[in-house]
N, C-alpha and C. Protein backbone atom coordinates (compact mmCIF):
# COMPACT_ATOMS: atom_id res chain seq x y z
N GLN A 1 74.75 102.10 127.80
CA GLN A 1 74.12 103.35 127.39
C GLN A 1 74.61 104.50 128.24
N VAL A 2 74.88 105.61 127.58
CA VAL A 2 75.29 106.83 128.26
C VAL A 2 74.35 107.95 127.84
N HIS A 3 73.99 108.77 128.80
CA HIS A 3 73.10 109.90 128.52
C HIS A 3 73.67 111.16 129.12
N LEU A 4 73.45 112.28 128.41
CA LEU A 4 73.75 113.61 128.92
C LEU A 4 72.44 114.38 129.00
N VAL A 5 72.19 114.98 130.15
CA VAL A 5 70.95 115.74 130.34
C VAL A 5 71.28 117.13 130.85
N GLU A 6 70.87 118.14 130.05
CA GLU A 6 71.10 119.52 130.45
C GLU A 6 69.90 120.04 131.23
N SER A 7 70.16 121.05 132.05
CA SER A 7 69.09 121.75 132.76
C SER A 7 69.57 123.15 133.09
N GLY A 8 68.62 124.00 133.49
CA GLY A 8 68.98 125.34 133.97
C GLY A 8 68.69 126.47 133.01
N GLY A 9 68.22 126.15 131.81
CA GLY A 9 67.90 127.22 130.88
C GLY A 9 66.65 127.96 131.29
N GLY A 10 66.37 129.05 130.57
CA GLY A 10 65.17 129.82 130.86
C GLY A 10 65.24 131.20 130.25
N LEU A 11 64.31 132.04 130.71
CA LEU A 11 64.22 133.43 130.25
C LEU A 11 64.84 134.34 131.30
N VAL A 12 65.73 135.21 130.87
CA VAL A 12 66.39 136.12 131.79
C VAL A 12 66.54 137.48 131.12
N GLN A 13 66.52 138.53 131.91
CA GLN A 13 66.69 139.88 131.37
C GLN A 13 68.17 140.15 131.06
N PRO A 14 68.43 141.05 130.13
CA PRO A 14 69.82 141.45 129.87
C PRO A 14 70.51 141.87 131.16
N GLY A 15 71.76 141.42 131.31
CA GLY A 15 72.51 141.68 132.53
C GLY A 15 72.33 140.63 133.60
N GLY A 16 71.39 139.73 133.40
CA GLY A 16 71.13 138.70 134.40
C GLY A 16 72.08 137.52 134.29
N SER A 17 71.79 136.49 135.11
CA SER A 17 72.64 135.32 135.19
C SER A 17 71.81 134.04 135.14
N LEU A 18 72.44 133.00 134.64
CA LEU A 18 71.88 131.66 134.67
C LEU A 18 73.02 130.68 134.87
N ARG A 19 72.71 129.53 135.46
CA ARG A 19 73.69 128.45 135.55
C ARG A 19 73.12 127.21 134.90
N LEU A 20 73.81 126.74 133.88
CA LEU A 20 73.42 125.51 133.21
C LEU A 20 74.17 124.33 133.82
N SER A 21 73.49 123.20 133.85
CA SER A 21 74.11 121.96 134.31
C SER A 21 73.94 120.90 133.25
N CYS A 22 74.88 119.98 133.20
CA CYS A 22 74.80 118.84 132.29
C CYS A 22 75.35 117.63 133.03
N ALA A 23 74.47 116.68 133.28
CA ALA A 23 74.84 115.49 134.03
C ALA A 23 74.92 114.28 133.10
N ALA A 24 76.02 113.56 133.22
CA ALA A 24 76.19 112.33 132.46
C ALA A 24 75.81 111.14 133.34
N SER A 25 75.14 110.18 132.74
CA SER A 25 74.74 108.99 133.50
C SER A 25 74.83 107.77 132.61
N GLY A 26 74.83 106.61 133.26
CA GLY A 26 74.88 105.36 132.51
C GLY A 26 76.15 104.60 132.81
N SER A 27 76.57 103.80 131.83
CA SER A 27 77.71 102.90 132.00
C SER A 27 79.01 103.65 131.68
N ILE A 28 79.42 104.49 132.62
CA ILE A 28 80.56 105.38 132.42
C ILE A 28 81.79 104.85 133.12
N PHE A 29 82.89 104.75 132.38
CA PHE A 29 84.18 104.43 132.99
C PHE A 29 84.94 105.73 133.28
N SER A 30 84.99 106.61 132.28
CA SER A 30 85.65 107.89 132.48
C SER A 30 85.14 108.90 131.44
N ILE A 31 85.31 110.16 131.78
CA ILE A 31 84.87 111.23 130.90
C ILE A 31 86.07 112.10 130.54
N ASN A 32 86.24 112.36 129.28
CA ASN A 32 87.33 113.23 128.83
C ASN A 32 86.87 114.69 128.93
N ALA A 33 87.26 115.50 127.98
CA ALA A 33 86.87 116.90 128.01
C ALA A 33 85.34 117.04 127.91
N MET A 34 84.84 118.08 128.56
CA MET A 34 83.41 118.39 128.50
C MET A 34 83.28 119.80 127.93
N THR A 35 82.31 119.96 127.06
CA THR A 35 82.23 121.19 126.25
C THR A 35 80.78 121.67 126.18
N TRP A 36 80.64 122.98 126.13
CA TRP A 36 79.34 123.60 125.85
C TRP A 36 79.37 124.22 124.46
N TYR A 37 78.30 124.00 123.72
CA TYR A 37 78.07 124.63 122.43
C TYR A 37 76.73 125.37 122.51
N ARG A 38 76.49 126.21 121.53
CA ARG A 38 75.18 126.85 121.44
C ARG A 38 74.81 127.06 119.98
N GLN A 39 73.51 127.13 119.75
CA GLN A 39 73.00 127.36 118.41
C GLN A 39 71.86 128.35 118.46
N ALA A 40 72.09 129.51 117.87
CA ALA A 40 71.06 130.54 117.80
C ALA A 40 70.18 130.29 116.58
N PRO A 41 68.97 130.83 116.58
CA PRO A 41 68.07 130.63 115.43
C PRO A 41 68.70 131.08 114.13
N GLY A 42 68.68 130.22 113.13
CA GLY A 42 69.20 130.57 111.82
C GLY A 42 70.71 130.56 111.72
N LYS A 43 71.39 130.12 112.78
CA LYS A 43 72.85 130.12 112.76
C LYS A 43 73.40 128.72 112.99
N GLN A 44 74.67 128.54 112.66
CA GLN A 44 75.32 127.26 112.91
C GLN A 44 75.65 127.12 114.39
N ARG A 45 75.75 125.86 114.81
CA ARG A 45 76.16 125.60 116.19
C ARG A 45 77.59 126.12 116.37
N GLU A 46 77.84 126.78 117.50
CA GLU A 46 79.17 127.31 117.77
C GLU A 46 79.69 126.83 119.12
N TRP A 47 80.99 126.70 119.19
CA TRP A 47 81.66 126.30 120.42
C TRP A 47 81.63 127.45 121.42
N VAL A 48 81.40 127.14 122.70
CA VAL A 48 81.34 128.16 123.74
C VAL A 48 82.51 128.02 124.71
N ALA A 49 82.67 126.82 125.28
CA ALA A 49 83.70 126.63 126.30
C ALA A 49 83.99 125.14 126.47
N THR A 50 85.21 124.86 126.90
CA THR A 50 85.65 123.49 127.16
C THR A 50 86.40 123.42 128.47
N ILE A 51 86.24 122.31 129.17
CA ILE A 51 87.03 122.04 130.36
C ILE A 51 87.61 120.63 130.25
N THR A 52 88.91 120.51 130.50
CA THR A 52 89.57 119.21 130.40
C THR A 52 89.39 118.42 131.70
N THR A 53 89.89 117.20 131.70
CA THR A 53 89.74 116.38 132.89
C THR A 53 90.49 116.97 134.09
N ASP A 54 91.57 117.68 133.83
CA ASP A 54 92.33 118.28 134.93
C ASP A 54 91.98 119.73 135.17
N GLY A 55 90.88 120.19 134.60
CA GLY A 55 90.34 121.50 134.93
C GLY A 55 90.81 122.67 134.10
N ARG A 56 91.58 122.42 133.05
CA ARG A 56 91.95 123.53 132.19
C ARG A 56 90.75 123.97 131.37
N THR A 57 90.59 125.28 131.25
CA THR A 57 89.41 125.83 130.57
C THR A 57 89.81 126.70 129.38
N SER A 58 88.89 126.80 128.44
CA SER A 58 89.06 127.69 127.30
C SER A 58 87.68 128.18 126.88
N TYR A 59 87.63 129.39 126.33
CA TYR A 59 86.37 130.04 126.00
C TYR A 59 86.44 130.72 124.63
N THR A 60 85.30 130.80 123.98
CA THR A 60 85.23 131.63 122.80
C THR A 60 85.29 133.09 123.24
N ASP A 61 85.82 133.94 122.37
CA ASP A 61 86.09 135.32 122.78
C ASP A 61 84.85 136.06 123.27
N SER A 62 83.71 135.78 122.67
CA SER A 62 82.50 136.56 122.99
C SER A 62 81.98 136.32 124.41
N VAL A 63 82.44 135.26 125.08
CA VAL A 63 81.94 134.99 126.43
C VAL A 63 83.02 135.12 127.50
N LYS A 64 84.26 135.38 127.10
CA LYS A 64 85.35 135.51 128.07
C LYS A 64 85.04 136.62 129.07
N GLY A 65 85.27 136.30 130.34
CA GLY A 65 85.00 137.27 131.39
C GLY A 65 83.58 137.29 131.87
N ARG A 66 82.67 136.61 131.15
CA ARG A 66 81.26 136.57 131.55
C ARG A 66 80.80 135.16 131.90
N PHE A 67 81.32 134.16 131.22
CA PHE A 67 80.92 132.77 131.45
C PHE A 67 82.05 132.02 132.15
N THR A 68 81.68 131.07 132.99
CA THR A 68 82.65 130.22 133.65
C THR A 68 82.20 128.77 133.54
N ILE A 69 83.08 127.92 132.99
CA ILE A 69 82.79 126.50 132.91
C ILE A 69 83.50 125.79 134.06
N SER A 70 82.83 124.82 134.65
CA SER A 70 83.42 124.05 135.74
C SER A 70 82.85 122.63 135.67
N ARG A 71 83.47 121.73 136.42
CA ARG A 71 82.98 120.36 136.42
C ARG A 71 83.13 119.75 137.80
N ASP A 72 82.25 118.81 138.09
CA ASP A 72 82.30 118.03 139.32
C ASP A 72 82.50 116.59 138.89
N ASN A 73 83.72 116.13 138.95
CA ASN A 73 84.03 114.80 138.41
C ASN A 73 83.29 113.67 139.14
N PRO A 74 83.22 113.67 140.47
CA PRO A 74 82.48 112.58 141.12
C PRO A 74 81.00 112.53 140.71
N LYS A 75 80.45 113.68 140.33
CA LYS A 75 79.04 113.73 139.93
C LYS A 75 78.87 113.63 138.41
N ASN A 76 79.98 113.52 137.68
CA ASN A 76 79.93 113.46 136.21
C ASN A 76 79.12 114.61 135.63
N THR A 77 79.33 115.79 136.16
CA THR A 77 78.53 116.95 135.79
C THR A 77 79.41 118.12 135.39
N VAL A 78 78.98 118.83 134.36
CA VAL A 78 79.63 120.06 133.94
C VAL A 78 78.64 121.20 134.08
N TYR A 79 79.16 122.36 134.43
CA TYR A 79 78.33 123.55 134.64
C TYR A 79 78.79 124.68 133.72
N LEU A 80 77.87 125.59 133.45
CA LEU A 80 78.21 126.82 132.75
C LEU A 80 77.52 127.96 133.49
N GLN A 81 78.31 128.72 134.23
CA GLN A 81 77.80 129.91 134.90
C GLN A 81 77.86 131.07 133.92
N MET A 82 76.71 131.65 133.64
CA MET A 82 76.62 132.72 132.65
C MET A 82 76.18 134.00 133.34
N ASN A 83 77.04 134.99 133.35
CA ASN A 83 76.75 136.29 133.96
C ASN A 83 76.72 137.37 132.88
N SER A 84 76.17 138.52 133.25
CA SER A 84 76.10 139.66 132.33
C SER A 84 75.56 139.23 130.96
N LEU A 85 74.47 138.51 130.99
CA LEU A 85 73.93 137.96 129.76
C LEU A 85 73.44 139.06 128.82
N LYS A 86 73.60 138.80 127.54
CA LYS A 86 73.23 139.74 126.48
C LYS A 86 72.19 139.07 125.57
N PRO A 87 71.40 139.85 124.87
CA PRO A 87 70.43 139.25 123.94
C PRO A 87 71.09 138.32 122.92
N GLU A 88 72.31 138.62 122.53
CA GLU A 88 73.00 137.78 121.56
C GLU A 88 73.45 136.44 122.13
N ASP A 89 73.28 136.24 123.43
CA ASP A 89 73.55 134.94 124.03
C ASP A 89 72.35 133.99 123.89
N THR A 90 71.25 134.51 123.38
CA THR A 90 70.06 133.68 123.20
C THR A 90 70.35 132.54 122.22
N ALA A 91 70.09 131.32 122.67
CA ALA A 91 70.40 130.14 121.86
C ALA A 91 69.95 128.90 122.61
N VAL A 92 69.98 127.78 121.90
CA VAL A 92 69.88 126.49 122.56
C VAL A 92 71.30 126.07 122.91
N TYR A 93 71.51 125.74 124.18
CA TYR A 93 72.83 125.36 124.65
C TYR A 93 72.91 123.83 124.79
N TYR A 94 73.98 123.27 124.24
CA TYR A 94 74.17 121.82 124.24
C TYR A 94 75.48 121.49 124.96
N CYS A 95 75.47 120.40 125.71
CA CYS A 95 76.74 119.90 126.24
C CYS A 95 77.18 118.69 125.44
N ASN A 96 78.48 118.52 125.45
CA ASN A 96 79.13 117.45 124.69
C ASN A 96 80.25 116.88 125.54
N ALA A 97 80.42 115.57 125.47
CA ALA A 97 81.50 114.95 126.23
C ALA A 97 81.99 113.69 125.54
N GLY A 98 83.28 113.49 125.61
CA GLY A 98 83.87 112.24 125.16
C GLY A 98 83.89 111.28 126.33
N ILE A 99 83.19 110.17 126.19
CA ILE A 99 82.99 109.27 127.33
C ILE A 99 83.44 107.87 126.98
N ILE A 100 84.23 107.29 127.87
CA ILE A 100 84.61 105.89 127.75
C ILE A 100 83.68 105.07 128.62
N SER A 101 83.03 104.10 128.01
CA SER A 101 82.06 103.29 128.74
C SER A 101 82.77 102.22 129.56
N THR A 102 81.97 101.54 130.35
CA THR A 102 82.52 100.46 131.18
C THR A 102 83.00 99.29 130.33
N THR A 103 82.59 99.25 129.07
CA THR A 103 83.09 98.22 128.15
C THR A 103 84.27 98.74 127.34
N ARG A 104 84.77 99.93 127.75
CA ARG A 104 85.97 100.54 127.16
C ARG A 104 85.76 101.02 125.73
N HIS A 105 84.52 101.31 125.39
CA HIS A 105 84.24 101.92 124.09
C HIS A 105 84.14 103.43 124.26
N PHE A 106 84.73 104.16 123.31
CA PHE A 106 84.68 105.61 123.36
C PHE A 106 83.51 106.11 122.53
N GLY A 107 82.81 107.09 123.08
CA GLY A 107 81.70 107.69 122.35
C GLY A 107 81.68 109.19 122.52
N ASP A 108 81.25 109.90 121.49
CA ASP A 108 81.08 111.35 121.53
C ASP A 108 79.60 111.61 121.76
N HIS A 109 79.28 112.10 122.95
CA HIS A 109 77.88 112.19 123.36
C HIS A 109 77.40 113.63 123.45
N TRP A 110 76.12 113.83 123.12
CA TRP A 110 75.47 115.12 123.16
C TRP A 110 74.22 115.08 124.03
N GLY A 111 73.96 116.19 124.69
CA GLY A 111 72.69 116.33 125.39
C GLY A 111 71.62 116.81 124.43
N GLN A 112 70.41 116.94 124.96
CA GLN A 112 69.26 117.30 124.14
C GLN A 112 69.13 118.81 123.94
N GLY A 113 69.85 119.57 124.73
CA GLY A 113 69.82 121.03 124.60
C GLY A 113 68.88 121.67 125.61
N THR A 114 69.22 122.89 126.00
CA THR A 114 68.37 123.68 126.89
C THR A 114 68.33 125.11 126.36
N GLN A 115 67.12 125.67 126.32
CA GLN A 115 66.92 127.00 125.72
C GLN A 115 67.29 128.09 126.71
N VAL A 116 68.09 129.03 126.24
CA VAL A 116 68.40 130.24 127.00
C VAL A 116 67.91 131.42 126.18
N THR A 117 67.05 132.23 126.78
CA THR A 117 66.52 133.41 126.11
C THR A 117 66.82 134.63 126.96
N VAL A 118 67.50 135.60 126.36
CA VAL A 118 67.85 136.84 127.06
C VAL A 118 67.06 137.97 126.41
N SER A 119 66.10 138.47 127.16
CA SER A 119 65.20 139.48 126.61
C SER A 119 64.55 140.28 127.73
N SER A 120 64.27 141.54 127.45
CA SER A 120 63.56 142.37 128.41
C SER A 120 62.06 142.35 128.13
């Protein structure tokens, strides 16, 4: 069994910052790319950022220069530092990772989501 658990969401004023964390646990052999998605009310889930195993990053245009994705491989954790937050960043944020288990099975895993609300 493999689990992803997000944390760090909350209510923040426009212009503020939050750092999201997503920790993977369980029978993990290795983790491939780790990705953050978000889903705003009434909208489809959208890709936010990805980090590869060797640290290469990519971002959707709307968050470039404001969000930073990073990972701590020994801790099996991915982070999303969000600065200069805007009301349109309000969404449930989900992490996703491709994980190879100790039995060498590959799985595409999702966390349960964490709410980020940007409002004055």
